[in-house]
Amino acid sequence: MDTNKVKIKSAVFVKSSENIRQLPRPDKPEYAFIGRSNVGKSSLINALCQRKNLAKTSATPGKTRLINHFLINESWYLVDLPGYGYAQVSQKMREKFSDFVRDYLLHRESLINTYLLIDSRLKPQKVDMEFMEWLANNNLPFTLLFTKTDKLSKAELTNNLIQYHSFMMTTWESLPPQIITSSADGRGREEILNQIDQYNQFFRPSR
């Protein structure tokens, strides 16, 4: 494979949106990144783009409350979605975020794939499983990204993944695509970019 295809030559913040009407024109393929609060989403986005502060990291869960668009290589959008599962935000505010995200995922015509981040150190979390099921029930393609894998030994990671797969297979006929990642050592970066590059080949903007 031509590795030039997967190089990040430019990564530029475009805008933050608080409702669907404010989103950029859907004229480029988009890839959404979402996960439970404190799953390492901002760190992974920065590692993926090899930009130290492209996405703002915070010790406060639930800080991302807008949909943030980043233009990559002037040809596709990386979309940072608000996280879910944070307890320090009011119920009313959580509902507002979830409605916004749901509308985006269901109706954004240029959205190609959603990357769902899962903390590899934890047992299957109910909120993650419910979100996966919602994506599947709405025929929305997604890829699982297991994060923070550098914090586990190879044996621990293997054991955790086996447990996760076994748990999922009790309700899923087949497992969604998945990639092992680490923002610390770059693990999974090339796989994600290769997948995005392949998807980009088939994107045709609506007229």
Protein backbone atom coordinates (compact mmCIF):
# COMPACT_ATOMS: atom_id res chain seq x y z
CA MET A 1 0.00 0.00 0.00
CA ASP A 2 1.19 3.52 -0.77
CA THR A 3 1.95 4.99 2.64
CA ASN A 4 1.70 8.52 1.20
CA LYS A 5 -2.03 8.06 1.28
CA VAL A 6 -2.14 7.83 5.04
CA LYS A 7 0.14 10.74 5.92
CA ILE A 8 -1.45 13.67 7.71
CA LYS A 9 -0.08 16.67 5.84
CA SER A 10 -2.46 19.21 7.35
CA ALA A 11 -4.95 19.25 10.20
CA VAL A 12 -6.92 22.43 10.78
CA PHE A 13 -9.68 23.24 13.24
CA VAL A 14 -12.66 24.50 11.24
CA LYS A 15 -15.45 25.23 13.69
CA SER A 16 -17.51 24.18 16.70
CA SER A 17 -21.25 23.72 16.29
CA GLU A 18 -23.98 23.60 18.90
CA ASN A 19 -26.78 22.62 16.52
CA ILE A 20 -27.19 20.91 13.17
CA ARG A 21 -27.73 24.18 11.29
CA GLN A 22 -24.21 25.37 12.16
CA LEU A 23 -22.37 22.36 10.70
CA PRO A 24 -20.05 22.84 7.71
CA ARG A 25 -21.39 22.00 4.27
CA PRO A 26 -21.56 18.19 3.83
CA ASP A 27 -19.28 18.24 0.80
CA LYS A 28 -16.47 16.11 2.26
CA PRO A 29 -16.46 12.68 3.93
CA GLU A 30 -16.68 12.80 7.72
CA TYR A 31 -15.49 10.42 10.42
CA ALA A 32 -16.91 10.87 13.90
CA PHE A 33 -15.06 9.98 17.10
CA ILE A 34 -17.09 9.40 20.25
CA GLY A 35 -16.74 7.61 23.56
CA ARG A 36 -17.54 7.58 27.22
CA SER A 37 -16.05 10.45 29.19
CA ASN A 38 -12.37 10.11 30.07
CA VAL A 39 -11.80 7.36 27.48
CA GLY A 40 -8.86 9.24 25.96
CA LYS A 41 -10.60 10.63 22.89
CA SER A 42 -8.76 13.95 22.64
CA SER A 43 -5.39 12.28 23.19
CA LEU A 44 -6.12 9.73 20.46
CA ILE A 45 -7.23 12.42 18.01
CA ASN A 46 -4.01 14.36 18.68
CA ALA A 47 -1.93 11.21 18.20
CA LEU A 48 -3.80 10.28 15.03
CA CYS A 49 -3.11 13.70 13.51
CA GLN A 50 0.32 14.01 15.12
CA ARG A 51 -0.62 17.39 16.52
CA LYS A 52 0.00 18.00 20.21
CA ASN A 53 -2.95 20.28 20.95
CA LEU A 54 -5.35 19.86 18.04
CA ALA A 55 -8.09 18.52 20.30
CA LYS A 56 -8.15 19.95 23.79
CA THR A 57 -7.56 17.40 26.53
CA SER A 58 -9.00 17.90 29.99
CA ALA A 59 -9.09 16.14 33.34
CA THR A 60 -12.74 17.20 33.61
CA PRO A 61 -15.05 14.58 32.06
CA GLY A 62 -17.65 15.89 29.63
CA LYS A 63 -15.77 19.05 28.64
CA THR A 64 -16.44 18.58 24.92
CA ARG A 65 -20.00 19.85 24.56
CA LEU A 66 -19.98 20.90 20.93
CA ILE A 67 -19.42 19.09 17.66
CA ASN A 68 -15.92 20.04 16.51
CA HIS A 69 -14.86 19.71 12.88
CA PHE A 70 -11.20 19.37 11.86
CA LEU A 71 -10.25 19.44 8.18
CA ILE A 72 -7.61 16.83 7.41
CA ASN A 73 -5.43 17.06 4.28
CA GLU A 74 -8.01 19.51 2.89
CA SER A 75 -10.06 16.49 1.86
CA TRP A 76 -11.95 14.99 4.83
CA TYR A 77 -13.32 15.92 8.22
CA LEU A 78 -12.41 14.39 11.56
CA VAL A 79 -15.35 15.11 13.86
CA ASP A 80 -14.94 15.23 17.63
CA LEU A 81 -18.32 14.48 19.23
CA PRO A 82 -19.33 15.18 22.84
CA GLY A 83 -18.74 12.21 25.11
CA TYR A 84 -21.43 10.38 27.01
CA GLY A 85 -21.78 8.95 30.49
CA TYR A 86 -20.48 11.94 32.43
CA ALA A 87 -22.10 12.40 35.84
CA GLN A 88 -21.04 15.97 36.59
CA VAL A 89 -23.39 17.53 34.03
CA SER A 90 -27.07 18.11 34.72
CA GLN A 91 -29.67 15.72 33.30
CA LYS A 92 -31.13 18.52 31.18
CA MET A 93 -27.72 19.28 29.70
CA ARG A 94 -27.05 15.59 29.02
CA GLU A 95 -30.35 15.32 27.16
CA LYS A 96 -29.47 18.37 25.07
CA PHE A 97 -26.11 16.85 24.10
CA SER A 98 -27.58 13.44 23.35
CA ASP A 99 -30.32 14.89 21.14
CA PHE A 100 -27.74 16.90 19.21
CA VAL A 101 -25.42 13.94 18.73
CA ARG A 102 -28.28 11.61 17.80
CA ASP A 103 -29.53 14.05 15.14
CA TYR A 104 -26.02 14.36 13.75
CA LEU A 105 -25.42 10.62 13.57
CA LEU A 106 -28.82 9.87 12.04
CA HIS A 107 -29.05 12.68 9.52
CA ARG A 108 -25.55 13.84 8.55
CA GLU A 109 -25.37 12.71 4.92
CA SER A 110 -21.57 12.99 4.66
CA LEU A 111 -20.88 10.87 7.77
CA ILE A 112 -19.09 7.74 6.57
CA ASN A 113 -18.12 5.95 9.77
CA THR A 114 -18.22 6.39 13.53
CA TYR A 115 -15.25 5.43 15.68
CA LEU A 116 -16.43 4.32 19.10
CA LEU A 117 -13.69 4.46 21.72
CA ILE A 118 -13.63 1.81 24.45
CA ASP A 119 -11.28 1.80 27.47
CA SER A 120 -9.40 -1.50 27.14
CA ARG A 121 -8.75 -1.62 30.91
CA LEU A 122 -12.41 -1.93 31.87
CA LYS A 123 -14.99 -4.67 31.75
CA PRO A 124 -17.85 -4.09 29.26
CA GLN A 125 -19.75 -1.00 30.35
CA LYS A 126 -23.53 -0.84 30.04
CA VAL A 127 -23.51 2.64 28.53
CA ASP A 128 -21.07 1.53 25.80
CA MET A 129 -23.08 -1.58 24.97
CA GLU A 130 -26.30 0.42 24.74
CA PHE A 131 -24.68 2.93 22.40
CA MET A 132 -23.33 0.14 20.17
CA GLU A 133 -26.77 -1.42 19.98
CA TRP A 134 -28.31 1.94 19.07
CA LEU A 135 -25.80 2.38 16.24
CA ALA A 136 -26.46 -1.14 14.95
CA ASN A 137 -30.23 -0.80 15.20
CA ASN A 138 -30.04 2.36 13.09
CA ASN A 139 -27.75 0.74 10.52
CA LEU A 140 -24.93 3.17 11.29
CA PRO A 141 -21.49 1.72 10.49
CA PHE A 142 -18.94 1.94 13.28
CA THR A 143 -15.52 0.70 14.32
CA LEU A 144 -14.47 -0.06 17.89
CA LEU A 145 -11.23 1.57 19.02
CA PHE A 146 -9.82 0.03 22.18
CA THR A 147 -7.85 2.79 23.93
CA LYS A 148 -5.10 2.97 26.56
CA THR A 149 -3.73 -0.44 25.61
CA ASP A 150 -0.19 0.65 26.53
CA LYS A 151 -1.27 0.62 30.18
CA LEU A 152 -1.80 -3.16 30.05
CA SER A 153 0.58 -6.05 29.61
CA LYS A 154 0.11 -8.15 26.50
CA ALA A 155 -1.47 -10.92 28.59
CA GLU A 156 -3.81 -8.51 30.37
CA LEU A 157 -4.90 -6.95 27.08
CA THR A 158 -5.51 -10.33 25.48
CA ASN A 159 -7.55 -11.48 28.48
CA ASN A 160 -9.62 -8.29 28.55
CA LEU A 161 -10.36 -8.49 24.82
CA ILE A 162 -11.39 -12.15 25.09
CA GLN A 163 -13.78 -11.24 27.90
CA TYR A 164 -15.15 -8.34 25.89
CA HIS A 165 -15.69 -10.45 22.78
CA SER A 166 -17.32 -13.24 24.77
CA PHE A 167 -19.69 -10.77 26.39
CA MET A 168 -20.64 -9.22 23.05
CA MET A 169 -21.22 -12.57 21.36
CA THR A 170 -24.04 -13.30 23.79
CA THR A 171 -26.16 -10.72 21.94
CA TRP A 172 -24.31 -10.03 18.66
CA GLU A 173 -24.25 -12.42 15.71
CA SER A 174 -20.95 -10.95 14.51
CA LEU A 175 -18.57 -8.39 15.96
CA PRO A 176 -18.03 -4.92 14.45
CA PRO A 177 -14.57 -4.00 13.11
CA GLN A 178 -12.09 -3.17 15.86
CA ILE A 179 -8.66 -1.64 16.18
CA ILE A 180 -6.24 -1.76 19.13
CA THR A 181 -4.93 1.75 19.81
CA SER A 182 -2.64 3.73 22.07
CA SER A 183 -2.16 7.49 21.98
CA ALA A 184 1.13 6.98 23.85
CA ASP A 185 2.92 4.75 21.33
CA GLY A 186 0.85 5.31 18.18
CA ARG A 187 -0.54 1.79 18.06
CA GLY A 188 -3.47 1.53 15.65
CA ARG A 189 -2.83 4.87 13.98
CA GLU A 190 -1.93 3.44 10.58
CA GLU A 191 -4.87 1.03 10.66
CA ILE A 192 -7.34 3.85 11.33
CA LEU A 193 -5.89 6.05 8.58
CA ASN A 194 -5.80 3.15 6.12
CA GLN A 195 -9.46 2.44 6.81
CA ILE A 196 -10.40 6.09 6.35
CA ASP A 197 -8.40 6.26 3.12
CA GLN A 198 -10.24 3.25 1.76
CA TYR A 199 -13.62 4.74 2.65
CA ASN A 200 -12.68 8.07 1.07
CA GLN A 201 -12.31 6.40 -2.32
CA PHE A 202 -16.05 5.75 -2.45
CA PHE A 203 -17.35 9.09 -1.23
CA ARG A 204 -19.50 11.04 -3.67
CA PRO A 205 -20.92 14.35 -2.42
CA SER A 206 -24.66 14.77 -2.92
CA ARG A 207 -25.73 17.36 -5.41
